[in-house]
């Protein structure tokens, strides 16, 4: 009987311990849920700020191009006004000549004005306003919104599950293709630690330059088809250029290089080739 009571007491203490562990897990879960919601609030705030920035840039783009075109319109109006002034002055001169009572004086003044009169006898050139449309900008952001709406139509739990499966399988939903396999740890972690790369994130459709855990937004005029890379190892300069865009500068990394540099390339679709200048 004593042995049975001892076992019952031990089992009871075990269940009490189970309850304590479960209660502690419940409290940790609540704290984790609150911290996760706080983190999400921060990320959605960043997203809203990014969208606000993009909206401001798009409106600035429209205003800038509108002002440039309006300036052209103003110059065209001024040119037309100057021609009207010339024609008014010539009309007054011709009228005065026609009122000249002396035939000799009339002939002299007519000869003096004849060349200018002949120039005005032909019809003037029609002036067409420079056409300008903001449909490309509207179409771009319409496509962006539609892409987000299409993605968000999928239930959140399904999207999270697909994302987790992609992480576990080592692939991404955008069919990420690795073109350069790096060495295993610890060399691989060292390689990634000092990675310096400009890249297009398909989830944001923006270009970013990453360096030491920090990222900088790149703003190329068009999507680069060919990239140029310039390296001055001794000076610590690694620069990237848009070759297809007239060698326009994209970004420059400056650092003190102490280890060999290796190229690491990622491609979401299509093909890629690397050419070295002679």
C-alpha atoms as a PDB file:
ATOM      1  CA  UNK A   1       0.000   0.000   0.000  1.00  0.00           C
ATOM      2  CA  UNK A   2       2.799   2.419   0.894  1.00  0.00           C
ATOM      3  CA  UNK A   3       4.485   1.667  -2.391  1.00  0.00           C
ATOM      4  CA  UNK A   4       1.252   2.418  -4.248  1.00  0.00           C
ATOM      5  CA  UNK A   5       0.803   5.708  -2.403  1.00  0.00           C
ATOM      6  CA  UNK A   6       4.387   6.652  -3.229  1.00  0.00           C
ATOM      7  CA  UNK A   7       3.824   5.971  -6.915  1.00  0.00           C
ATOM      8  CA  UNK A   8       0.578   7.933  -6.901  1.00  0.00           C
ATOM      9  CA  UNK A   9       2.308  10.901  -5.282  1.00  0.00           C
ATOM     10  CA  UNK A  10       5.109  10.734  -7.840  1.00  0.00           C
ATOM     11  CA  UNK A  11       2.631  10.612 -10.716  1.00  0.00           C
ATOM     12  CA  UNK A  12       0.700  13.504  -9.201  1.00  0.00           C
ATOM     13  CA  UNK A  13       3.873  15.590  -8.975  1.00  0.00           C
ATOM     14  CA  UNK A  14       4.618  14.659 -12.556  1.00  0.00           C
ATOM     15  CA  UNK A  15       1.229  15.959 -13.679  1.00  0.00           C
ATOM     16  CA  UNK A  16       1.720  19.116 -11.605  1.00  0.00           C
ATOM     17  CA  UNK A  17       5.040  19.584 -13.399  1.00  0.00           C
ATOM     18  CA  UNK A  18       3.298  19.048 -16.722  1.00  0.00           C
ATOM     19  CA  UNK A  19       0.740  21.717 -15.852  1.00  0.00           C
ATOM     20  CA  UNK A  20       3.528  24.122 -14.871  1.00  0.00           C
ATOM     21  CA  UNK A  21       5.377  23.516 -18.145  1.00  0.00           C
ATOM     22  CA  UNK A  22       2.206  23.958 -20.186  1.00  0.00           C
ATOM     23  CA  UNK A  23       1.321  27.177 -18.352  1.00  0.00           C
ATOM     24  CA  UNK A  24       4.858  28.493 -18.917  1.00  0.00           C
ATOM     25  CA  UNK A  25       4.602  27.548 -22.599  1.00  0.00           C
ATOM     26  CA  UNK A  26       1.252  29.334 -22.811  1.00  0.00           C
ATOM     27  CA  UNK A  27       2.744  32.519 -21.338  1.00  0.00           C
ATOM     28  CA  UNK A  28       5.721  32.319 -23.699  1.00  0.00           C
ATOM     29  CA  UNK A  29       3.345  31.785 -26.605  1.00  0.00           C
ATOM     30  CA  UNK A  30       1.341  34.875 -25.646  1.00  0.00           C
ATOM     31  CA  UNK A  31       4.524  36.940 -25.372  1.00  0.00           C
ATOM     32  CA  UNK A  32       5.767  35.575 -28.696  1.00  0.00           C
ATOM     33  CA  UNK A  33       2.431  36.381 -30.351  1.00  0.00           C
ATOM     34  CA  UNK A  34       2.534  39.970 -29.059  1.00  0.00           C
ATOM     35  CA  UNK A  35       6.143  40.468 -30.168  1.00  0.00           C
ATOM     36  CA  UNK A  36       5.297  38.986 -33.582  1.00  0.00           C
ATOM     37  CA  UNK A  37       2.357  41.374 -33.987  1.00  0.00           C
ATOM     38  CA  UNK A  38       4.601  44.277 -32.980  1.00  0.00           C
ATOM     39  CA  UNK A  39       7.170  43.141 -35.553  1.00  0.00           C
ATOM     40  CA  UNK A  40       4.448  42.892 -38.201  1.00  0.00           C
ATOM     41  CA  UNK A  41       3.266  46.394 -37.339  1.00  0.00           C
ATOM     42  CA  UNK A  42       6.778  47.669 -37.970  1.00  0.00           C
ATOM     43  CA  UNK A  43       7.087  45.820 -41.278  1.00  0.00           C
ATOM     44  CA  UNK A  44       3.719  47.012 -42.538  1.00  0.00           C
ATOM     45  CA  UNK A  45       4.692  50.539 -41.503  1.00  0.00           C
ATOM     46  CA  UNK A  46       7.851  50.168 -43.603  1.00  0.00           C
ATOM     47  CA  UNK A  47       5.722  48.917 -46.487  1.00  0.00           C
ATOM     48  CA  UNK A  48       3.350  51.874 -46.207  1.00  0.00           C
ATOM     49  CA  UNK A  49       6.292  54.279 -46.091  1.00  0.00           C
ATOM     50  CA  UNK A  50       7.775  52.586 -49.140  1.00  0.00           C
ATOM     51  CA  UNK A  51       4.467  52.876 -50.988  1.00  0.00           C
ATOM     52  CA  UNK A  52       4.139  56.513 -49.919  1.00  0.00           C
ATOM     53  CA  UNK A  53       7.647  57.159 -51.223  1.00  0.00           C
ATOM     54  CA  UNK A  54       6.825  55.412 -54.484  1.00  0.00           C
ATOM     55  CA  UNK A  55       3.620  57.438 -54.821  1.00  0.00           C
ATOM     56  CA  UNK A  56       5.539  60.667 -54.218  1.00  0.00           C
ATOM     57  CA  UNK A  57       8.172  59.686 -56.785  1.00  0.00           C
ATOM     58  CA  UNK A  58       5.513  58.813 -59.363  1.00  0.00           C
ATOM     59  CA  UNK A  59       3.725  62.130 -58.839  1.00  0.00           C
ATOM     60  CA  UNK A  60       7.059  63.957 -58.980  1.00  0.00           C
ATOM     61  CA  UNK A  61       7.789  62.192 -62.264  1.00  0.00           C
ATOM     62  CA  UNK A  62       4.435  63.353 -63.665  1.00  0.00           C
ATOM     63  CA  UNK A  63       4.929  66.925 -62.422  1.00  0.00           C
ATOM     64  CA  UNK A  64       8.452  67.111 -63.833  1.00  0.00           C
ATOM     65  CA  UNK A  65       7.446  65.899 -67.281  1.00  0.00           C
ATOM     66  CA  UNK A  66       4.342  68.091 -67.234  1.00  0.00           C
ATOM     67  CA  UNK A  67       6.438  71.179 -66.467  1.00  0.00           C
ATOM     68  CA  UNK A  68       8.950  70.323 -69.194  1.00  0.00           C
ATOM     69  CA  UNK A  69       6.156  69.916 -71.732  1.00  0.00           C
ATOM     70  CA  UNK A  70       4.408  73.087 -70.556  1.00  0.00           C
ATOM     71  CA  UNK A  71       7.681  74.938 -71.058  1.00  0.00           C
ATOM     72  CA  UNK A  72       7.742  73.701 -74.654  1.00  0.00           C
ATOM     73  CA  UNK A  73       4.130  74.852 -75.043  1.00  0.00           C
ATOM     74  CA  UNK A  74       5.011  78.292 -73.680  1.00  0.00           C
ATOM     75  CA  UNK A  75       7.925  78.587 -76.084  1.00  0.00           C
ATOM     76  CA  UNK A  76       5.656  77.616 -78.981  1.00  0.00           C
ATOM     77  CA  UNK A  77       3.072  80.223 -77.900  1.00  0.00           C
ATOM     78  CA  UNK A  78       5.777  82.884 -77.613  1.00  0.00           C
ATOM     79  CA  UNK A  79       7.042  82.008 -81.083  1.00  0.00           C
ATOM     80  CA  UNK A  80       3.529  82.305 -82.523  1.00  0.00           C
ATOM     81  CA  UNK A  81       3.050  85.626 -80.719  1.00  0.00           C
ATOM     82  CA  UNK A  82       6.323  86.978 -82.125  1.00  0.00           C
ATOM     83  CA  UNK A  83       5.216  86.037 -85.638  1.00  0.00           C
ATOM     84  CA  UNK A  84       1.874  87.802 -85.061  1.00  0.00           C
ATOM     85  CA  UNK A  85       3.749  90.957 -83.997  1.00  0.00           C
ATOM     86  CA  UNK A  86       5.862  90.794 -87.156  1.00  0.00           C
ATOM     87  CA  UNK A  87       2.747  90.411 -89.314  1.00  0.00           C
ATOM     88  CA  UNK A  88       0.955  93.282 -87.536  1.00  0.00           C
ATOM     89  CA  UNK A  89       3.905  95.597 -88.099  1.00  0.00           C
ATOM     90  CA  UNK A  90       4.128  94.548 -91.734  1.00  0.00           C
ATOM     91  CA  UNK A  91       0.378  95.097 -92.187  1.00  0.00           C
ATOM     92  CA  UNK A  92       0.680  98.638 -90.820  1.00  0.00           C
ATOM     93  CA  UNK A  93       3.652  99.318 -93.086  1.00  0.00           C
ATOM     94  CA  UNK A  94       1.883  97.976 -96.177  1.00  0.00           C
ATOM     95  CA  UNK A  95      -1.205 100.043 -95.367  1.00  0.00           C
ATOM     96  CA  UNK A  96       0.898 103.198 -95.051  1.00  0.00           C
ATOM     97  CA  UNK A  97       2.570 102.423 -98.376  1.00  0.00           C
ATOM     98  CA  UNK A  98      -0.830 101.991-100.012  1.00  0.00           C
ATOM     99  CA  UNK A  99      -1.823 105.448 -98.776  1.00  0.00           C
ATOM    100  CA  UNK A 100       1.275 107.145-100.216  1.00  0.00           C
ATOM    101  CA  UNK A 101       0.057 109.872-102.683  1.00  0.00           C
ATOM    102  CA  UNK A 102       3.386 110.133-104.528  1.00  0.00           C
ATOM    103  CA  UNK A 103       3.822 107.346-107.108  1.00  0.00           C
ATOM    104  CA  UNK A 104       7.616 107.621-106.915  1.00  0.00           C
ATOM    105  CA  UNK A 105       7.668 107.454-103.123  1.00  0.00           C
ATOM    106  CA  UNK A 106       5.125 104.620-103.191  1.00  0.00           C
ATOM    107  CA  UNK A 107       7.328 102.622-105.586  1.00  0.00           C
ATOM    108  CA  UNK A 108      10.444 103.207-103.484  1.00  0.00           C
ATOM    109  CA  UNK A 109       8.748 102.111-100.275  1.00  0.00           C
ATOM    110  CA  UNK A 110       7.178  99.118-102.026  1.00  0.00           C
ATOM    111  CA  UNK A 111      10.572  97.956-103.323  1.00  0.00           C
ATOM    112  CA  UNK A 112      12.044  98.363 -99.834  1.00  0.00           C
ATOM    113  CA  UNK A 113       9.285  96.227 -98.305  1.00  0.00           C
ATOM    114  CA  UNK A 114       8.863  93.771-101.180  1.00  0.00           C
ATOM    115  CA  UNK A 115      11.215  91.095 -99.834  1.00  0.00           C
ATOM    116  CA  UNK A 116       9.532  91.045 -96.431  1.00  0.00           C
ATOM    117  CA  UNK A 117       6.110  90.994 -98.087  1.00  0.00           C
ATOM    118  CA  UNK A 118       7.111  88.010-100.251  1.00  0.00           C
ATOM    119  CA  UNK A 119       8.281  86.136 -97.165  1.00  0.00           C
ATOM    120  CA  UNK A 120       4.845  86.503 -95.616  1.00  0.00           C
ATOM    121  CA  UNK A 121       2.921  85.479 -98.741  1.00  0.00           C
ATOM    122  CA  UNK A 122       3.382  81.753 -98.069  1.00  0.00           C
ATOM    123  CA  UNK A 123       1.329  79.998 -95.402  1.00  0.00           C
ATOM    124  CA  UNK A 124       2.979  79.623 -92.036  1.00  0.00           C
ATOM    125  CA  UNK A 125       3.949  76.291 -90.530  1.00  0.00           C
ATOM    126  CA  UNK A 126       1.359  74.587 -88.392  1.00  0.00           C
ATOM    127  CA  UNK A 127       2.490  74.265 -84.787  1.00  0.00           C
ATOM    128  CA  UNK A 128       1.520  70.988 -83.160  1.00  0.00           C
ATOM    129  CA  UNK A 129       1.653  70.641 -79.361  1.00  0.00           C
ATOM    130  CA  UNK A 130       4.131  68.021 -78.205  1.00  0.00           C
ATOM    131  CA  UNK A 131       2.055  64.963 -77.203  1.00  0.00           C
ATOM    132  CA  UNK A 132       2.602  63.608 -73.715  1.00  0.00           C
ATOM    133  CA  UNK A 133       0.942  60.653 -72.027  1.00  0.00           C
ATOM    134  CA  UNK A 134       1.313  59.278 -68.526  1.00  0.00           C
ATOM    135  CA  UNK A 135      -0.297  55.967 -69.473  1.00  0.00           C
ATOM    136  CA  UNK A 136       3.035  54.061 -69.144  1.00  0.00           C
ATOM    137  CA  UNK A 137       3.312  55.120 -65.486  1.00  0.00           C
ATOM    138  CA  UNK A 138      -0.344  54.302 -64.845  1.00  0.00           C
ATOM    139  CA  UNK A 139       0.028  50.951 -66.604  1.00  0.00           C
ATOM    140  CA  UNK A 140       3.102  50.075 -64.528  1.00  0.00           C
ATOM    141  CA  UNK A 141       1.434  50.714 -61.187  1.00  0.00           C
ATOM    142  CA  UNK A 142      -1.797  49.114 -62.367  1.00  0.00           C
ATOM    143  CA  UNK A 143       0.178  45.959 -63.114  1.00  0.00           C
ATOM    144  CA  UNK A 144       1.871  46.180 -59.722  1.00  0.00           C
ATOM    145  CA  UNK A 145      -1.466  46.435 -57.922  1.00  0.00           C
ATOM    146  CA  UNK A 146      -2.966  43.597 -59.968  1.00  0.00           C
ATOM    147  CA  UNK A 147       0.041  41.390 -59.203  1.00  0.00           C
ATOM    148  CA  UNK A 148      -0.325  42.054 -55.481  1.00  0.00           C
ATOM    149  CA  UNK A 149      -4.086  41.476 -55.634  1.00  0.00           C
ATOM    150  CA  UNK A 150      -3.533  38.202 -57.474  1.00  0.00           C
ATOM    151  CA  UNK A 151      -1.046  37.048 -54.855  1.00  0.00           C
ATOM    152  CA  UNK A 152      -3.235  38.111 -51.935  1.00  0.00           C
ATOM    153  CA  UNK A 153      -6.221  36.201 -53.324  1.00  0.00           C
ATOM    154  CA  UNK A 154      -4.485  33.050 -52.124  1.00  0.00           C
ATOM    155  CA  UNK A 155      -5.333  32.427 -48.449  1.00  0.00           C
ATOM    156  CA  UNK A 156      -2.593  33.495 -46.039  1.00  0.00           C
ATOM    157  CA  UNK A 157      -2.125  30.030 -44.537  1.00  0.00           C
ATOM    158  CA  UNK A 158      -1.588  28.569 -48.023  1.00  0.00           C
ATOM    159  CA  UNK A 159       0.985  31.253 -48.889  1.00  0.00           C
ATOM    160  CA  UNK A 160       2.848  30.689 -45.636  1.00  0.00           C
ATOM    161  CA  UNK A 161       2.867  26.931 -46.209  1.00  0.00           C
ATOM    162  CA  UNK A 162       4.188  27.329 -49.759  1.00  0.00           C
ATOM    163  CA  UNK A 163       6.878  29.712 -48.534  1.00  0.00           C
ATOM    164  CA  UNK A 164       7.967  27.258 -45.836  1.00  0.00           C
ATOM    165  CA  UNK A 165       8.103  24.395 -48.350  1.00  0.00           C
ATOM    166  CA  UNK A 166      10.275  26.530 -50.621  1.00  0.00           C
ATOM    167  CA  UNK A 167      12.668  27.272 -47.771  1.00  0.00           C
ATOM    168  CA  UNK A 168      12.886  23.606 -46.786  1.00  0.00           C
ATOM    169  CA  UNK A 169      13.497  22.480 -50.370  1.00  0.00           C
ATOM    170  CA  UNK A 170      16.120  25.148 -50.944  1.00  0.00           C
ATOM    171  CA  UNK A 171      14.257  26.693 -53.865  1.00  0.00           C
ATOM    172  CA  UNK A 172      12.034  29.755 -54.236  1.00  0.00           C
ATOM    173  CA  UNK A 173       8.618  30.348 -55.740  1.00  0.00           C
ATOM    174  CA  UNK A 174      10.334  32.326 -58.488  1.00  0.00           C
ATOM    175  CA  UNK A 175      12.388  29.302 -59.537  1.00  0.00           C
ATOM    176  CA  UNK A 176      15.645  30.735 -58.284  1.00  0.00           C
ATOM    177  CA  UNK A 177      18.606  29.228 -60.085  1.00  0.00           C
ATOM    178  CA  UNK A 178      22.030  29.212 -58.459  1.00  0.00           C
ATOM    179  CA  UNK A 179      24.786  29.716 -61.008  1.00  0.00           C
ATOM    180  CA  UNK A 180      27.671  29.591 -58.560  1.00  0.00           C
ATOM    181  CA  UNK A 181      27.981  27.042 -55.770  1.00  0.00           C
ATOM    182  CA  UNK A 182      30.008  28.339 -52.861  1.00  0.00           C
ATOM    183  CA  UNK A 183      31.997  26.282 -50.388  1.00  0.00           C
ATOM    184  CA  UNK A 184      30.324  24.792 -47.309  1.00  0.00           C
ATOM    185  CA  UNK A 185      30.604  26.357 -43.862  1.00  0.00           C
ATOM    186  CA  UNK A 186      32.563  28.071 -42.476  1.00  0.00           C
ATOM    187  CA  UNK A 187      33.960  29.425 -45.764  1.00  0.00           C
ATOM    188  CA  UNK A 188      30.466  29.934 -47.166  1.00  0.00           C
ATOM    189  CA  UNK A 189      29.332  32.011 -44.200  1.00  0.00           C
ATOM    190  CA  UNK A 190      32.489  34.116 -44.511  1.00  0.00           C
ATOM    191  CA  UNK A 191      31.771  34.539 -48.217  1.00  0.00           C
ATOM    192  CA  UNK A 192      28.239  35.751 -47.554  1.00  0.00           C
ATOM    193  CA  UNK A 193      29.328  37.953 -44.670  1.00  0.00           C
ATOM    194  CA  UNK A 194      31.328  40.172 -46.989  1.00  0.00           C
ATOM    195  CA  UNK A 195      28.960  39.922 -49.966  1.00  0.00           C
ATOM    196  CA  UNK A 196      28.496  43.102 -51.953  1.00  0.00           C
ATOM    197  CA  UNK A 197      25.874  42.859 -54.645  1.00  0.00           C
ATOM    198  CA  UNK A 198      23.194  44.812 -56.483  1.00  0.00           C
ATOM    199  CA  UNK A 199      20.085  42.688 -56.983  1.00  0.00           C
ATOM    200  CA  UNK A 200      16.452  42.813 -58.059  1.00  0.00           C
ATOM    201  CA  UNK A 201      14.047  41.480 -55.482  1.00  0.00           C
ATOM    202  CA  UNK A 202      11.032  39.941 -57.269  1.00  0.00           C
ATOM    203  CA  UNK A 203       8.904  40.487 -54.161  1.00  0.00           C
ATOM    204  CA  UNK A 204       9.428  44.264 -54.307  1.00  0.00           C
ATOM    205  CA  UNK A 205      10.343  44.841 -57.987  1.00  0.00           C
ATOM    206  CA  UNK A 206      13.032  47.261 -56.861  1.00  0.00           C
ATOM    207  CA  UNK A 207      16.810  47.210 -57.202  1.00  0.00           C
ATOM    208  CA  UNK A 208      18.877  47.127 -54.022  1.00  0.00           C
ATOM    209  CA  UNK A 209      22.589  47.173 -53.208  1.00  0.00           C
ATOM    210  CA  UNK A 210      23.521  45.050 -50.174  1.00  0.00           C
ATOM    211  CA  UNK A 211      26.656  45.553 -48.084  1.00  0.00           C
ATOM    212  CA  UNK A 212      27.386  44.412 -44.529  1.00  0.00           C
ATOM    213  CA  UNK A 213      23.723  43.774 -43.801  1.00  0.00           C
ATOM    214  CA  UNK A 214      22.671  47.193 -45.080  1.00  0.00           C
ATOM    215  CA  UNK A 215      20.785  47.848 -48.296  1.00  0.00           C
ATOM    216  CA  UNK A 216      20.598  50.919 -50.519  1.00  0.00           C
ATOM    217  CA  UNK A 217      17.869  51.580 -53.081  1.00  0.00           C
ATOM    218  CA  UNK A 218      19.047  51.776 -56.708  1.00  0.00           C
ATOM    219  CA  UNK A 219      17.050  53.806 -59.209  1.00  0.00           C
ATOM    220  CA  UNK A 220      18.035  52.905 -62.796  1.00  0.00           C
ATOM    221  CA  UNK A 221      16.047  54.628 -65.521  1.00  0.00           C
ATOM    222  CA  UNK A 222      15.272  51.283 -67.189  1.00  0.00           C
ATOM    223  CA  UNK A 223      15.790  47.623 -66.353  1.00  0.00           C
ATOM    224  CA  UNK A 224      19.474  46.916 -67.149  1.00  0.00           C
ATOM    225  CA  UNK A 225      20.015  44.146 -69.705  1.00  0.00           C
ATOM    226  CA  UNK A 226      23.808  44.226 -69.366  1.00  0.00           C
ATOM    227  CA  UNK A 227      25.815  45.092 -66.274  1.00  0.00           C
ATOM    228  CA  UNK A 228      29.392  46.310 -66.221  1.00  0.00           C
ATOM    229  CA  UNK A 229      31.610  45.650 -63.203  1.00  0.00           C
ATOM    230  CA  UNK A 230      34.727  47.676 -62.392  1.00  0.00           C
ATOM    231  CA  UNK A 231      37.103  46.541 -59.647  1.00  0.00           C
ATOM    232  CA  UNK A 232      40.090  48.408 -58.254  1.00  0.00           C
ATOM    233  CA  UNK A 233      41.233  46.001 -55.558  1.00  0.00           C
ATOM    234  CA  UNK A 234      44.019  48.174 -54.179  1.00  0.00           C
ATOM    235  CA  UNK A 235      41.802  51.264 -53.997  1.00  0.00           C
ATOM    236  CA  UNK A 236      38.918  49.288 -52.512  1.00  0.00           C
ATOM    237  CA  UNK A 237      36.449  50.236 -55.252  1.00  0.00           C
ATOM    238  CA  UNK A 238      33.806  47.920 -56.715  1.00  0.00           C
ATOM    239  CA  UNK A 239      31.467  49.718 -59.136  1.00  0.00           C
ATOM    240  CA  UNK A 240      28.503  48.580 -61.226  1.00  0.00           C
ATOM    241  CA  UNK A 241      27.281  50.197 -64.450  1.00  0.00           C
ATOM    242  CA  UNK A 242      24.304  49.821 -66.787  1.00  0.00           C
ATOM    243  CA  UNK A 243      26.025  48.947 -70.068  1.00  0.00           C
ATOM    244  CA  UNK A 244      22.787  48.940 -72.082  1.00  0.00           C
ATOM    245  CA  UNK A 245      21.953  52.370 -70.642  1.00  0.00           C
ATOM    246  CA  UNK A 246      25.049  54.150 -71.910  1.00  0.00           C
ATOM    247  CA  UNK A 247      27.320  53.067 -69.030  1.00  0.00           C
ATOM    248  CA  UNK A 248      25.228  54.974 -66.509  1.00  0.00           C
ATOM    249  CA  UNK A 249      26.479  54.483 -62.957  1.00  0.00           C
ATOM    250  CA  UNK A 250      24.389  52.226 -60.707  1.00  0.00           C
ATOM    251  CA  UNK A 251      26.316  51.883 -57.457  1.00  0.00           C
ATOM    252  CA  UNK A 252      29.818  51.857 -56.003  1.00  0.00           C
ATOM    253  CA  UNK A 253      31.018  49.880 -52.985  1.00  0.00           C
ATOM    254  CA  UNK A 254      34.029  51.211 -51.108  1.00  0.00           C
ATOM    255  CA  UNK A 255      35.868  49.009 -48.645  1.00  0.00           C
ATOM    256  CA  UNK A 256      39.281  47.690 -47.716  1.00  0.00           C
ATOM    257  CA  UNK A 257      39.532  44.331 -49.445  1.00  0.00           C
ATOM    258  CA  UNK A 258      41.586  41.822 -47.474  1.00  0.00           C
ATOM    259  CA  UNK A 259      40.381  38.580 -49.032  1.00  0.00           C
ATOM    260  CA  UNK A 260      39.930  37.376 -52.626  1.00  0.00           C
ATOM    261  CA  UNK A 261      36.695  38.506 -54.291  1.00  0.00           C
ATOM    262  CA  UNK A 262      34.413  35.989 -55.992  1.00  0.00           C
ATOM    263  CA  UNK A 263      31.373  36.591 -58.211  1.00  0.00           C
ATOM    264  CA  UNK A 264      28.085  35.078 -57.051  1.00  0.00           C
ATOM    265  CA  UNK A 265      25.175  35.287 -59.482  1.00  0.00           C
ATOM    266  CA  UNK A 266      21.469  34.562 -59.040  1.00  0.00           C
ATOM    267  CA  UNK A 267      18.982  34.326 -61.872  1.00  0.00           C
ATOM    268  CA  UNK A 268      15.193  34.103 -61.663  1.00  0.00           C
ATOM    269  CA  UNK A 269      14.575  33.414 -65.342  1.00  0.00           C
ATOM    270  CA  UNK A 270      16.233  33.536 -68.762  1.00  0.00           C
ATOM    271  CA  UNK A 271      19.927  33.017 -69.428  1.00  0.00           C
ATOM    272  CA  UNK A 272      23.117  34.790 -68.427  1.00  0.00           C
ATOM    273  CA  UNK A 273      26.635  35.086 -69.808  1.00  0.00           C
ATOM    274  CA  UNK A 274      29.814  36.655 -68.463  1.00  0.00           C
ATOM    275  CA  UNK A 275      32.268  38.470 -70.712  1.00  0.00           C
ATOM    276  CA  UNK A 276      35.645  39.809 -69.673  1.00  0.00           C
ATOM    277  CA  UNK A 277      37.086  42.875 -71.331  1.00  0.00           C
ATOM    278  CA  UNK A 278      40.479  42.358 -72.998  1.00  0.00           C
END
